[in-house]
N, C-alpha and C. Protein backbone atom coordinates (compact mmCIF):
# COMPACT_ATOMS: atom_id res chain seq x y z
N MET A 1 -21.24 155.31 147.85
CA MET A 1 -21.59 154.88 146.49
C MET A 1 -22.80 155.68 146.01
N LYS A 2 -22.71 156.23 144.80
CA LYS A 2 -23.78 157.05 144.25
C LYS A 2 -24.63 156.23 143.27
N ILE A 3 -25.95 156.29 143.45
CA ILE A 3 -26.87 155.54 142.59
C ILE A 3 -27.90 156.49 142.00
N LEU A 4 -28.07 156.42 140.69
CA LEU A 4 -29.09 157.20 139.99
C LEU A 4 -30.27 156.29 139.67
N VAL A 5 -31.47 156.71 140.08
CA VAL A 5 -32.70 155.96 139.82
C VAL A 5 -33.50 156.70 138.76
N ILE A 6 -33.78 156.03 137.63
CA ILE A 6 -34.62 156.60 136.58
C ILE A 6 -35.92 155.81 136.57
N GLU A 7 -36.95 156.36 137.18
CA GLU A 7 -38.22 155.66 137.39
C GLU A 7 -39.35 156.69 137.39
N ASP A 8 -40.35 156.51 136.52
CA ASP A 8 -41.42 157.50 136.42
C ASP A 8 -42.53 157.31 137.44
N ASP A 9 -42.64 156.13 138.04
CA ASP A 9 -43.64 155.90 139.07
C ASP A 9 -43.14 156.55 140.36
N LEU A 10 -43.82 157.62 140.77
CA LEU A 10 -43.34 158.40 141.91
C LEU A 10 -43.27 157.57 143.19
N SER A 11 -44.26 156.70 143.40
CA SER A 11 -44.29 155.89 144.61
C SER A 11 -43.12 154.91 144.65
N ILE A 12 -42.90 154.22 143.53
CA ILE A 12 -41.80 153.25 143.47
C ILE A 12 -40.46 153.97 143.61
N ALA A 13 -40.32 155.11 142.92
CA ALA A 13 -39.07 155.86 142.99
C ALA A 13 -38.77 156.29 144.43
N GLN A 14 -39.82 156.73 145.13
CA GLN A 14 -39.63 157.17 146.52
C GLN A 14 -39.25 155.99 147.42
N GLN A 15 -39.90 154.85 147.23
CA GLN A 15 -39.58 153.67 148.03
C GLN A 15 -38.13 153.24 147.83
N ILE A 16 -37.70 153.23 146.56
CA ILE A 16 -36.33 152.84 146.26
C ILE A 16 -35.35 153.84 146.88
N SER A 17 -35.64 155.13 146.71
CA SER A 17 -34.76 156.16 147.24
C SER A 17 -34.62 156.05 148.76
N LEU A 18 -35.73 155.85 149.45
CA LEU A 18 -35.69 155.72 150.90
C LEU A 18 -34.90 154.50 151.33
N ALA A 19 -35.11 153.37 150.63
CA ALA A 19 -34.41 152.13 150.98
C ALA A 19 -32.91 152.27 150.75
N LEU A 20 -32.53 152.88 149.64
CA LEU A 20 -31.10 153.04 149.33
C LEU A 20 -30.44 154.02 150.29
N THR A 21 -31.14 155.11 150.60
CA THR A 21 -30.60 156.09 151.54
C THR A 21 -30.39 155.46 152.92
N ALA A 22 -31.32 154.60 153.32
CA ALA A 22 -31.19 153.91 154.60
C ALA A 22 -29.98 152.99 154.62
N GLU A 23 -29.54 152.55 153.43
CA GLU A 23 -28.36 151.69 153.32
C GLU A 23 -27.09 152.51 153.07
N HIS A 24 -27.20 153.82 153.25
CA HIS A 24 -26.06 154.75 153.15
C HIS A 24 -25.58 155.00 151.73
N PHE A 25 -26.44 154.77 150.73
CA PHE A 25 -26.11 155.17 149.37
C PHE A 25 -26.49 156.64 149.19
N VAL A 26 -25.78 157.32 148.30
CA VAL A 26 -26.16 158.68 147.91
C VAL A 26 -27.02 158.53 146.65
N VAL A 27 -28.26 159.02 146.71
CA VAL A 27 -29.25 158.72 145.67
C VAL A 27 -29.75 159.98 144.98
N GLU A 28 -29.89 159.90 143.66
CA GLU A 28 -30.58 160.93 142.88
C GLU A 28 -31.66 160.23 142.07
N VAL A 29 -32.79 160.91 141.83
CA VAL A 29 -33.91 160.31 141.12
C VAL A 29 -34.30 161.18 139.94
N SER A 30 -34.57 160.55 138.80
CA SER A 30 -35.12 161.23 137.63
C SER A 30 -36.38 160.47 137.21
N HIS A 31 -37.38 161.21 136.70
CA HIS A 31 -38.64 160.58 136.33
C HIS A 31 -38.83 160.48 134.81
N SER A 32 -37.79 160.76 134.05
CA SER A 32 -37.88 160.61 132.59
C SER A 32 -36.53 160.21 132.03
N GLY A 33 -36.54 159.63 130.84
CA GLY A 33 -35.30 159.18 130.23
C GLY A 33 -34.36 160.31 129.86
N GLY A 34 -34.93 161.36 129.26
CA GLY A 34 -34.11 162.49 128.84
C GLY A 34 -33.42 163.16 130.00
N ASP A 35 -34.17 163.44 131.07
CA ASP A 35 -33.57 164.06 132.24
C ASP A 35 -32.57 163.12 132.92
N GLY A 36 -32.87 161.82 132.87
CA GLY A 36 -31.97 160.85 133.47
C GLY A 36 -30.62 160.82 132.77
N ILE A 37 -30.63 160.91 131.45
CA ILE A 37 -29.38 160.92 130.68
C ILE A 37 -28.55 162.16 131.03
N LYS A 38 -29.23 163.31 131.15
CA LYS A 38 -28.53 164.55 131.51
C LYS A 38 -27.97 164.46 132.93
N LEU A 39 -28.77 163.93 133.85
CA LEU A 39 -28.35 163.84 135.24
C LEU A 39 -27.18 162.88 135.39
N GLU A 40 -27.15 161.82 134.60
CA GLU A 40 -26.03 160.87 134.66
C GLU A 40 -24.72 161.58 134.35
N ARG A 41 -24.78 162.51 133.42
CA ARG A 41 -23.57 163.22 132.99
C ARG A 41 -22.99 164.05 134.13
N TYR A 42 -23.87 164.68 134.93
CA TYR A 42 -23.40 165.57 135.99
C TYR A 42 -23.21 164.86 137.33
N PHE A 43 -24.08 163.91 137.61
CA PHE A 43 -24.04 163.20 138.89
C PHE A 43 -22.93 162.15 138.92
N GLU A 44 -22.62 161.58 137.75
CA GLU A 44 -21.59 160.54 137.62
C GLU A 44 -21.80 159.42 138.64
N PRO A 45 -22.92 158.68 138.53
CA PRO A 45 -23.23 157.64 139.52
C PRO A 45 -22.32 156.42 139.37
N ASP A 46 -22.23 155.67 140.45
CA ASP A 46 -21.50 154.40 140.42
C ASP A 46 -22.38 153.27 139.89
N MET A 47 -23.71 153.50 139.91
CA MET A 47 -24.66 152.51 139.42
C MET A 47 -25.94 153.22 139.03
N LEU A 48 -26.68 152.61 138.10
CA LEU A 48 -27.92 153.21 137.63
C LEU A 48 -29.04 152.17 137.68
N ILE A 49 -30.18 152.55 138.25
CA ILE A 49 -31.38 151.70 138.26
C ILE A 49 -32.36 152.30 137.28
N LEU A 50 -32.74 151.53 136.27
CA LEU A 50 -33.49 152.07 135.13
C LEU A 50 -34.79 151.33 134.88
N ASP A 51 -35.89 152.07 134.89
CA ASP A 51 -37.19 151.51 134.49
C ASP A 51 -37.30 151.56 132.97
N LEU A 52 -37.89 150.55 132.37
CA LEU A 52 -38.03 150.54 130.91
C LEU A 52 -39.24 151.33 130.44
N GLY A 53 -40.29 151.42 131.25
CA GLY A 53 -41.52 152.09 130.82
C GLY A 53 -41.53 153.55 131.20
N LEU A 54 -40.73 154.36 130.53
CA LEU A 54 -40.63 155.79 130.84
C LEU A 54 -41.56 156.60 129.95
N PRO A 55 -41.97 157.79 130.39
CA PRO A 55 -42.97 158.56 129.64
C PRO A 55 -42.48 159.15 128.33
N ASP A 56 -41.18 159.48 128.24
CA ASP A 56 -40.68 160.17 127.06
C ASP A 56 -39.93 159.28 126.07
N MET A 57 -39.42 158.15 126.55
CA MET A 57 -38.72 157.22 125.68
C MET A 57 -38.63 155.87 126.36
N ASP A 58 -38.45 154.83 125.59
CA ASP A 58 -38.30 153.50 126.17
C ASP A 58 -36.97 153.41 126.90
N GLY A 59 -36.96 152.69 128.00
CA GLY A 59 -35.72 152.56 128.76
C GLY A 59 -34.58 151.97 127.97
N THR A 60 -34.90 151.12 126.97
CA THR A 60 -33.83 150.56 126.15
C THR A 60 -33.14 151.64 125.33
N GLU A 61 -33.85 152.72 125.01
CA GLU A 61 -33.23 153.85 124.31
C GLU A 61 -32.23 154.57 125.22
N VAL A 62 -32.57 154.66 126.51
CA VAL A 62 -31.64 155.22 127.48
C VAL A 62 -30.38 154.36 127.54
N LEU A 63 -30.60 153.05 127.60
CA LEU A 63 -29.48 152.11 127.59
C LEU A 63 -28.59 152.33 126.37
N THR A 64 -29.22 152.39 125.21
CA THR A 64 -28.48 152.54 123.96
C THR A 64 -27.66 153.82 123.94
N GLN A 65 -28.29 154.93 124.35
CA GLN A 65 -27.59 156.21 124.32
C GLN A 65 -26.40 156.22 125.28
N LEU A 66 -26.58 155.65 126.47
CA LEU A 66 -25.49 155.62 127.44
C LEU A 66 -24.34 154.75 126.95
N ARG A 67 -24.66 153.61 126.37
CA ARG A 67 -23.59 152.72 125.89
C ARG A 67 -22.89 153.29 124.65
N HIS A 68 -23.64 153.95 123.79
CA HIS A 68 -23.02 154.59 122.62
C HIS A 68 -22.11 155.74 123.04
N ALA A 69 -22.43 156.35 124.18
CA ALA A 69 -21.59 157.43 124.70
C ALA A 69 -20.42 156.88 125.52
N LYS A 70 -20.22 155.57 125.43
CA LYS A 70 -19.11 154.89 126.11
C LYS A 70 -19.25 154.93 127.63
N LYS A 71 -20.47 155.07 128.11
CA LYS A 71 -20.71 155.05 129.54
C LYS A 71 -20.72 153.59 130.02
N THR A 72 -19.86 153.29 130.97
CA THR A 72 -19.74 151.91 131.45
C THR A 72 -20.41 151.70 132.82
N VAL A 73 -21.15 152.71 133.27
CA VAL A 73 -21.82 152.60 134.56
C VAL A 73 -22.71 151.35 134.59
N PRO A 74 -22.62 150.54 135.64
CA PRO A 74 -23.49 149.36 135.74
C PRO A 74 -24.96 149.77 135.77
N ILE A 75 -25.79 149.04 135.02
CA ILE A 75 -27.21 149.39 134.93
C ILE A 75 -28.08 148.19 135.30
N LEU A 76 -28.94 148.39 136.28
CA LEU A 76 -29.92 147.39 136.69
C LEU A 76 -31.28 147.83 136.17
N VAL A 77 -31.89 147.01 135.33
CA VAL A 77 -33.16 147.34 134.71
C VAL A 77 -34.33 146.86 135.57
N LEU A 78 -35.31 147.73 135.75
CA LEU A 78 -36.57 147.37 136.42
C LEU A 78 -37.69 147.50 135.41
N THR A 79 -38.58 146.52 135.37
CA THR A 79 -39.69 146.61 134.42
C THR A 79 -40.80 145.64 134.77
N ALA A 80 -41.99 145.97 134.31
CA ALA A 80 -43.12 145.06 134.45
C ALA A 80 -43.13 144.01 133.36
N ARG A 81 -42.24 144.16 132.37
CA ARG A 81 -42.16 143.19 131.27
C ARG A 81 -41.35 141.98 131.74
N ALA A 82 -42.06 140.95 132.13
CA ALA A 82 -41.39 139.79 132.72
C ALA A 82 -41.08 138.69 131.72
N ASP A 83 -41.44 138.89 130.44
CA ASP A 83 -41.20 137.83 129.46
C ASP A 83 -39.71 137.73 129.15
N THR A 84 -39.31 136.54 128.73
CA THR A 84 -37.90 136.25 128.49
C THR A 84 -37.32 137.12 127.38
N SER A 85 -38.09 137.37 126.31
CA SER A 85 -37.57 138.15 125.19
C SER A 85 -37.21 139.58 125.62
N SER A 86 -38.02 140.18 126.47
CA SER A 86 -37.73 141.53 126.96
C SER A 86 -36.47 141.54 127.81
N LYS A 87 -36.32 140.51 128.64
CA LYS A 87 -35.13 140.40 129.48
C LYS A 87 -33.89 140.25 128.62
N VAL A 88 -33.94 139.36 127.64
CA VAL A 88 -32.80 139.14 126.76
C VAL A 88 -32.46 140.41 125.99
N HIS A 89 -33.49 141.11 125.52
CA HIS A 89 -33.26 142.34 124.76
C HIS A 89 -32.56 143.40 125.61
N ALA A 90 -33.01 143.56 126.85
CA ALA A 90 -32.39 144.55 127.73
C ALA A 90 -30.93 144.19 128.02
N LEU A 91 -30.67 142.93 128.25
CA LEU A 91 -29.30 142.49 128.51
C LEU A 91 -28.43 142.69 127.28
N ASP A 92 -28.98 142.39 126.11
CA ASP A 92 -28.23 142.59 124.87
C ASP A 92 -27.94 144.06 124.60
N MET A 93 -28.82 144.94 125.08
CA MET A 93 -28.63 146.39 124.88
C MET A 93 -27.59 146.97 125.84
N GLY A 94 -27.17 146.17 126.82
CA GLY A 94 -26.12 146.64 127.72
C GLY A 94 -26.45 146.66 129.19
N ALA A 95 -27.63 146.13 129.57
CA ALA A 95 -27.97 146.07 130.99
C ALA A 95 -27.09 145.03 131.69
N ASP A 96 -26.80 145.27 132.95
CA ASP A 96 -25.99 144.33 133.72
C ASP A 96 -26.85 143.32 134.48
N ASP A 97 -28.10 143.69 134.74
CA ASP A 97 -29.01 142.78 135.43
C ASP A 97 -30.44 143.25 135.17
N TYR A 98 -31.39 142.42 135.56
CA TYR A 98 -32.79 142.65 135.21
C TYR A 98 -33.65 142.17 136.38
N LEU A 99 -34.57 143.04 136.83
CA LEU A 99 -35.44 142.67 137.93
C LEU A 99 -36.88 143.03 137.57
N ALA A 100 -37.75 142.02 137.57
CA ALA A 100 -39.14 142.23 137.16
C ALA A 100 -39.97 142.78 138.31
N LYS A 101 -40.89 143.68 137.98
CA LYS A 101 -41.85 144.20 138.96
C LYS A 101 -43.03 143.25 139.06
N PRO A 102 -43.65 143.13 140.24
CA PRO A 102 -43.23 143.72 141.51
C PRO A 102 -42.05 142.97 142.10
N PHE A 103 -41.27 143.63 142.93
CA PHE A 103 -40.09 143.00 143.51
C PHE A 103 -40.00 143.36 144.98
N GLU A 104 -39.25 142.56 145.71
CA GLU A 104 -38.99 142.83 147.12
C GLU A 104 -37.74 143.72 147.22
N MET A 105 -37.77 144.69 148.10
CA MET A 105 -36.64 145.60 148.24
C MET A 105 -35.37 144.85 148.63
N ALA A 106 -35.52 143.79 149.41
CA ALA A 106 -34.35 143.00 149.81
C ALA A 106 -33.66 142.40 148.60
N GLU A 107 -34.45 141.97 147.61
CA GLU A 107 -33.84 141.41 146.40
C GLU A 107 -33.14 142.49 145.59
N LEU A 108 -33.75 143.68 145.51
CA LEU A 108 -33.10 144.78 144.80
C LEU A 108 -31.74 145.09 145.42
N LEU A 109 -31.69 145.16 146.74
CA LEU A 109 -30.43 145.45 147.43
C LEU A 109 -29.41 144.35 147.20
N ALA A 110 -29.88 143.10 147.16
CA ALA A 110 -28.98 141.97 146.90
C ALA A 110 -28.42 142.05 145.48
N ARG A 111 -29.27 142.43 144.51
CA ARG A 111 -28.81 142.58 143.12
C ARG A 111 -27.76 143.69 143.03
N ILE A 112 -27.97 144.78 143.75
CA ILE A 112 -27.00 145.89 143.75
C ILE A 112 -25.66 145.42 144.29
N ARG A 113 -25.69 144.67 145.38
CA ARG A 113 -24.43 144.15 145.95
C ARG A 113 -23.74 143.21 144.98
N ALA A 114 -24.52 142.38 144.30
CA ALA A 114 -23.94 141.42 143.35
C ALA A 114 -23.29 142.14 142.18
N ILE A 115 -23.97 143.16 141.64
CA ILE A 115 -23.38 143.92 140.53
C ILE A 115 -22.10 144.61 140.98
N SER A 116 -22.13 145.16 142.18
CA SER A 116 -20.95 145.85 142.71
C SER A 116 -19.77 144.89 142.81
N ARG A 117 -20.02 143.66 143.26
CA ARG A 117 -18.94 142.67 143.35
C ARG A 117 -18.42 142.32 141.96
N ARG A 118 -19.34 142.12 141.00
CA ARG A 118 -18.92 141.76 139.64
C ARG A 118 -18.13 142.87 138.99
N GLN A 119 -18.44 144.10 139.33
CA GLN A 119 -17.75 145.25 138.74
C GLN A 119 -16.39 145.49 139.38
N GLY A 120 -16.09 144.69 140.39
CA GLY A 120 -14.77 144.80 140.99
C GLY A 120 -14.61 145.96 141.95
N HIS A 121 -15.69 146.36 142.60
CA HIS A 121 -15.58 147.42 143.59
C HIS A 121 -15.00 146.84 144.88
N GLY A 122 -13.84 146.20 144.69
CA GLY A 122 -13.15 145.63 145.84
C GLY A 122 -13.53 144.18 146.03
N ALA A 123 -12.54 143.28 145.93
CA ALA A 123 -12.79 141.87 146.19
C ALA A 123 -13.26 141.70 147.64
N THR A 124 -12.71 142.59 148.49
CA THR A 124 -13.19 142.64 149.86
C THR A 124 -13.99 143.92 150.02
N SER A 125 -15.02 143.86 150.83
CA SER A 125 -15.87 145.03 151.01
C SER A 125 -15.39 145.89 152.17
N VAL A 126 -14.35 145.46 152.88
CA VAL A 126 -13.89 146.17 154.07
C VAL A 126 -12.66 147.01 153.77
N MET A 127 -12.76 148.30 154.09
CA MET A 127 -11.63 149.21 153.95
C MET A 127 -11.18 149.57 155.35
N SER A 128 -9.93 149.29 155.67
CA SER A 128 -9.46 149.50 157.03
C SER A 128 -8.19 150.33 157.07
N TYR A 129 -8.07 151.12 158.12
CA TYR A 129 -6.83 151.83 158.41
C TYR A 129 -6.78 152.06 159.91
N GLY A 130 -5.75 151.50 160.53
CA GLY A 130 -5.64 151.60 161.98
C GLY A 130 -6.82 150.92 162.65
N GLU A 131 -7.47 151.62 163.56
CA GLU A 131 -8.62 151.07 164.29
C GLU A 131 -9.93 151.25 163.56
N VAL A 132 -9.87 151.87 162.38
CA VAL A 132 -11.09 152.21 161.64
C VAL A 132 -11.33 151.23 160.50
N SER A 133 -12.54 150.67 160.44
CA SER A 133 -12.92 149.75 159.36
C SER A 133 -14.27 150.18 158.81
N LEU A 134 -14.33 150.32 157.49
CA LEU A 134 -15.55 150.71 156.81
C LEU A 134 -15.96 149.56 155.90
N ASP A 135 -17.12 148.97 156.18
CA ASP A 135 -17.63 147.86 155.38
C ASP A 135 -18.58 148.43 154.33
N THR A 136 -18.15 148.43 153.07
CA THR A 136 -18.95 149.05 152.01
C THR A 136 -20.11 148.18 151.57
N ALA A 137 -20.11 146.91 151.93
CA ALA A 137 -21.24 146.04 151.61
C ALA A 137 -22.32 146.17 152.68
N ALA A 138 -21.90 146.13 153.93
CA ALA A 138 -22.85 146.27 155.05
C ALA A 138 -23.14 147.73 155.36
N HIS A 139 -22.36 148.64 154.77
CA HIS A 139 -22.50 150.07 155.01
C HIS A 139 -22.42 150.38 156.51
N SER A 140 -21.35 149.87 157.12
CA SER A 140 -21.18 150.06 158.55
C SER A 140 -19.76 150.54 158.86
N LEU A 141 -19.65 151.25 159.97
CA LEU A 141 -18.36 151.76 160.44
C LEU A 141 -18.03 151.10 161.78
N THR A 142 -16.81 150.61 161.88
CA THR A 142 -16.34 150.02 163.13
C THR A 142 -15.09 150.78 163.56
N VAL A 143 -15.07 151.21 164.80
CA VAL A 143 -13.90 151.89 165.37
C VAL A 143 -13.50 151.14 166.63
N ALA A 144 -12.27 150.63 166.65
CA ALA A 144 -11.78 149.85 167.78
C ALA A 144 -12.74 148.71 168.11
N ASN A 145 -13.21 148.03 167.05
CA ASN A 145 -14.10 146.87 167.15
C ASN A 145 -15.49 147.19 167.68
N GLN A 146 -15.85 148.47 167.68
CA GLN A 146 -17.18 148.88 168.11
C GLN A 146 -17.93 149.50 166.92
N ILE A 147 -19.18 149.05 166.70
CA ILE A 147 -20.01 149.61 165.63
C ILE A 147 -20.38 151.05 165.98
N VAL A 148 -20.21 151.94 165.01
CA VAL A 148 -20.49 153.36 165.21
C VAL A 148 -21.53 153.81 164.17
N GLU A 149 -22.55 154.52 164.64
CA GLU A 149 -23.56 155.05 163.72
C GLU A 149 -22.94 156.10 162.81
N ILE A 150 -23.32 156.06 161.53
CA ILE A 150 -22.75 157.00 160.57
C ILE A 150 -23.81 157.35 159.54
N SER A 151 -23.91 158.62 159.18
CA SER A 151 -24.90 159.06 158.20
C SER A 151 -24.42 158.74 156.79
N PRO A 152 -25.33 158.74 155.81
CA PRO A 152 -24.93 158.44 154.43
C PRO A 152 -23.83 159.35 153.91
N ARG A 153 -23.90 160.64 154.18
CA ARG A 153 -22.88 161.56 153.67
C ARG A 153 -21.57 161.44 154.42
N GLU A 154 -21.63 161.18 155.71
CA GLU A 154 -20.40 160.91 156.46
C GLU A 154 -19.74 159.65 155.92
N PHE A 155 -20.55 158.63 155.64
CA PHE A 155 -20.06 157.39 155.07
C PHE A 155 -19.35 157.65 153.74
N ALA A 156 -19.99 158.45 152.87
CA ALA A 156 -19.42 158.73 151.56
C ALA A 156 -18.09 159.48 151.66
N ILE A 157 -18.02 160.44 152.59
CA ILE A 157 -16.78 161.20 152.77
C ILE A 157 -15.66 160.29 153.27
N LEU A 158 -15.96 159.47 154.28
CA LEU A 158 -14.94 158.59 154.83
C LEU A 158 -14.48 157.57 153.79
N ARG A 159 -15.42 157.04 153.02
CA ARG A 159 -15.04 156.09 151.97
C ARG A 159 -14.11 156.76 150.97
N ASP A 160 -14.42 157.97 150.58
CA ASP A 160 -13.58 158.70 149.62
C ASP A 160 -12.18 158.90 150.18
N LEU A 161 -12.09 159.30 151.43
CA LEU A 161 -10.78 159.52 152.04
C LEU A 161 -9.98 158.23 152.15
N LEU A 162 -10.64 157.14 152.53
CA LEU A 162 -9.95 155.85 152.65
C LEU A 162 -9.51 155.32 151.29
N GLN A 163 -10.27 155.64 150.25
CA GLN A 163 -9.88 155.22 148.91
C GLN A 163 -8.69 156.04 148.39
N ASN A 164 -8.41 157.14 149.05
CA ASN A 164 -7.35 158.03 148.58
C ASN A 164 -6.30 158.29 149.65
N ILE A 165 -5.99 157.25 150.42
CA ILE A 165 -4.95 157.38 151.45
C ILE A 165 -3.64 157.79 150.80
N GLY A 166 -3.01 158.80 151.35
CA GLY A 166 -1.76 159.31 150.79
C GLY A 166 -1.96 160.48 149.86
N ARG A 167 -3.24 160.79 149.55
CA ARG A 167 -3.56 161.93 148.70
C ARG A 167 -4.48 162.89 149.45
N VAL A 168 -4.38 164.16 149.11
CA VAL A 168 -5.22 165.18 149.73
C VAL A 168 -6.46 165.39 148.85
N ARG A 169 -7.61 165.38 149.48
CA ARG A 169 -8.87 165.58 148.77
C ARG A 169 -9.39 166.99 149.05
N THR A 170 -9.62 167.75 148.01
CA THR A 170 -10.11 169.11 148.17
C THR A 170 -11.57 169.10 148.61
N ARG A 171 -12.02 170.24 149.12
CA ARG A 171 -13.43 170.36 149.50
C ARG A 171 -14.33 170.15 148.30
N ALA A 172 -13.92 170.69 147.14
CA ALA A 172 -14.72 170.54 145.92
C ALA A 172 -14.86 169.08 145.53
N ALA A 173 -13.77 168.31 145.66
CA ALA A 173 -13.81 166.89 145.31
C ALA A 173 -14.76 166.14 146.24
N LEU A 174 -14.73 166.46 147.52
CA LEU A 174 -15.63 165.80 148.47
C LEU A 174 -17.08 166.21 148.23
N GLU A 175 -17.31 167.46 147.84
CA GLU A 175 -18.67 167.90 147.53
C GLU A 175 -19.22 167.10 146.35
N GLU A 176 -18.40 166.85 145.34
CA GLU A 176 -18.84 166.08 144.17
C GLU A 176 -19.19 164.66 144.57
N THR A 177 -18.53 164.15 145.61
CA THR A 177 -18.78 162.79 146.07
C THR A 177 -20.16 162.64 146.70
N ILE A 178 -20.62 163.67 147.40
CA ILE A 178 -21.85 163.51 148.19
C ILE A 178 -23.02 164.36 147.73
N TYR A 179 -22.80 165.28 146.79
CA TYR A 179 -23.91 166.11 146.32
C TYR A 179 -24.04 166.02 144.81
N SER A 180 -25.26 166.11 144.32
CA SER A 180 -25.47 166.13 142.88
C SER A 180 -25.24 167.54 142.36
N TRP A 181 -25.12 167.63 141.04
CA TRP A 181 -24.75 168.89 140.39
C TRP A 181 -25.75 170.01 140.60
N ASP A 182 -27.04 169.65 140.80
CA ASP A 182 -28.07 170.69 140.86
C ASP A 182 -28.46 171.08 142.27
N LYS A 183 -27.74 170.60 143.27
CA LYS A 183 -28.06 170.95 144.65
C LYS A 183 -27.23 172.16 145.10
N GLU A 184 -27.89 173.08 145.77
CA GLU A 184 -27.18 174.23 146.32
C GLU A 184 -26.50 173.78 147.61
N VAL A 185 -25.20 173.96 147.67
CA VAL A 185 -24.42 173.48 148.81
C VAL A 185 -23.94 174.68 149.62
N SER A 186 -24.19 174.67 150.92
CA SER A 186 -23.73 175.77 151.76
C SER A 186 -22.20 175.76 151.82
N SER A 187 -21.64 176.92 152.07
CA SER A 187 -20.19 177.08 152.00
C SER A 187 -19.44 176.22 153.00
N ASN A 188 -20.09 175.87 154.12
CA ASN A 188 -19.40 175.08 155.15
C ASN A 188 -19.96 173.68 155.29
N ALA A 189 -20.68 173.20 154.27
CA ALA A 189 -21.34 171.89 154.38
C ALA A 189 -20.34 170.77 154.66
N ILE A 190 -19.26 170.72 153.91
CA ILE A 190 -18.27 169.66 154.09
C ILE A 190 -17.65 169.74 155.48
N GLU A 191 -17.35 170.97 155.92
CA GLU A 191 -16.77 171.13 157.25
C GLU A 191 -17.71 170.62 158.34
N VAL A 192 -19.02 170.84 158.17
CA VAL A 192 -20.00 170.37 159.15
C VAL A 192 -20.00 168.84 159.19
N HIS A 193 -20.05 168.21 158.01
CA HIS A 193 -20.04 166.74 157.96
C HIS A 193 -18.74 166.19 158.55
N LEU A 194 -17.63 166.83 158.24
CA LEU A 194 -16.34 166.38 158.77
C LEU A 194 -16.27 166.54 160.29
N SER A 195 -16.88 167.61 160.79
CA SER A 195 -16.89 167.82 162.23
C SER A 195 -17.63 166.69 162.94
N HIS A 196 -18.79 166.30 162.39
CA HIS A 196 -19.55 165.19 162.97
C HIS A 196 -18.77 163.89 162.86
N LEU A 197 -18.13 163.69 161.70
CA LEU A 197 -17.39 162.46 161.44
C LEU A 197 -16.19 162.34 162.37
N ARG A 198 -15.49 163.42 162.58
CA ARG A 198 -14.29 163.40 163.42
C ARG A 198 -14.60 162.97 164.85
N LYS A 199 -15.79 163.30 165.33
CA LYS A 199 -16.19 162.93 166.69
C LYS A 199 -16.35 161.42 166.83
N LYS A 200 -16.52 160.73 165.70
CA LYS A 200 -16.74 159.29 165.73
C LYS A 200 -15.46 158.50 165.46
N LEU A 201 -14.39 159.19 165.10
CA LEU A 201 -13.14 158.57 164.72
C LEU A 201 -12.05 158.86 165.75
N PRO A 202 -10.95 158.11 165.72
CA PRO A 202 -9.84 158.42 166.63
C PRO A 202 -9.37 159.86 166.44
N GLN A 203 -8.90 160.47 167.51
CA GLN A 203 -8.46 161.86 167.44
C GLN A 203 -7.35 162.02 166.41
N GLY A 204 -7.53 163.01 165.53
CA GLY A 204 -6.53 163.28 164.51
C GLY A 204 -6.56 162.36 163.31
N PHE A 205 -7.56 161.48 163.22
CA PHE A 205 -7.61 160.50 162.11
C PHE A 205 -7.73 161.21 160.76
N ILE A 206 -8.56 162.26 160.70
CA ILE A 206 -8.67 163.06 159.48
C ILE A 206 -7.86 164.34 159.69
N LYS A 207 -6.94 164.57 158.78
CA LYS A 207 -6.04 165.71 158.89
C LYS A 207 -6.43 166.80 157.90
N THR A 208 -6.47 168.03 158.37
CA THR A 208 -6.74 169.17 157.49
C THR A 208 -5.42 169.74 156.99
N ILE A 209 -5.30 169.86 155.68
CA ILE A 209 -4.15 170.52 155.07
C ILE A 209 -4.61 171.93 154.72
N ARG A 210 -4.23 172.88 155.51
CA ARG A 210 -4.76 174.23 155.40
C ARG A 210 -4.60 174.79 153.99
N GLY A 211 -5.71 175.26 153.45
CA GLY A 211 -5.70 175.87 152.13
C GLY A 211 -5.73 174.87 150.99
N VAL A 212 -5.70 173.57 151.31
CA VAL A 212 -5.67 172.54 150.26
C VAL A 212 -6.87 171.59 150.37
N GLY A 213 -7.00 170.90 151.52
CA GLY A 213 -8.09 169.95 151.66
C GLY A 213 -7.90 169.04 152.85
N TYR A 214 -8.26 167.76 152.67
CA TYR A 214 -8.31 166.82 153.78
C TYR A 214 -7.71 165.48 153.37
N THR A 215 -7.15 164.78 154.35
CA THR A 215 -6.54 163.48 154.08
C THR A 215 -6.55 162.63 155.34
N ILE A 216 -6.37 161.33 155.17
CA ILE A 216 -6.20 160.45 156.33
C ILE A 216 -4.81 160.68 156.90
N ASN A 217 -4.72 160.83 158.21
CA ASN A 217 -3.46 161.09 158.87
C ASN A 217 -2.67 159.78 158.97
N THR A 218 -1.74 159.58 158.07
CA THR A 218 -0.97 158.34 158.03
C THR A 218 0.08 158.25 159.13
N GLN A 219 0.27 159.33 159.86
CA GLN A 219 1.26 159.31 160.95
C GLN A 219 0.70 158.66 162.21
N LEU A 220 -0.61 158.38 162.20
CA LEU A 220 -1.22 157.77 163.39
C LEU A 220 -0.98 156.28 163.44
N SER A 221 -0.74 155.65 162.25
CA SER A 221 -0.64 154.19 162.22
C SER A 221 0.80 153.76 162.05
């Protein structure tokens, strides 16, 4: 799951990014509203965390521009404005939830999970095929009933493949899943992540379609 954080406080932005990355989210950070709007277009996040007190424009203006552009990405607003009128205004502008500063990281993560459930990212958080189960809420991988350590990018690749069982995913499509538009990606980055991932999965679970891409091997189950 890709999350874009628009927060001008460098310390808070870093804390959020580290916490989300530890939970296996793919995270991008912007420190201004204008750059955040541009990054949303290229990064195409599954969720957006937005501070209202930005240096170049009010966060509600970011909300307005995204909603006018027909962007339906779920938005969680963060702000020091704890009064009811500010909360109501943000929700009326199109925010999906509101969290006042200061906040506990555990509550932020709980709000993200709640928004994800409301948005219908699976009534169940578990994606399974054969002996492999990926829990998108707990961000954990189980193989043959054993918990297996998995990195955020390995998690994102496996989730993408499980969401597209029966279809071949190109290297370019997988790169878009785990990297933002402005990152330089080495030519064999996906192959390296897949190599590490394959060692954690049943033999042959991920199948390479030469010259095309990658898919879950449905002949194993």
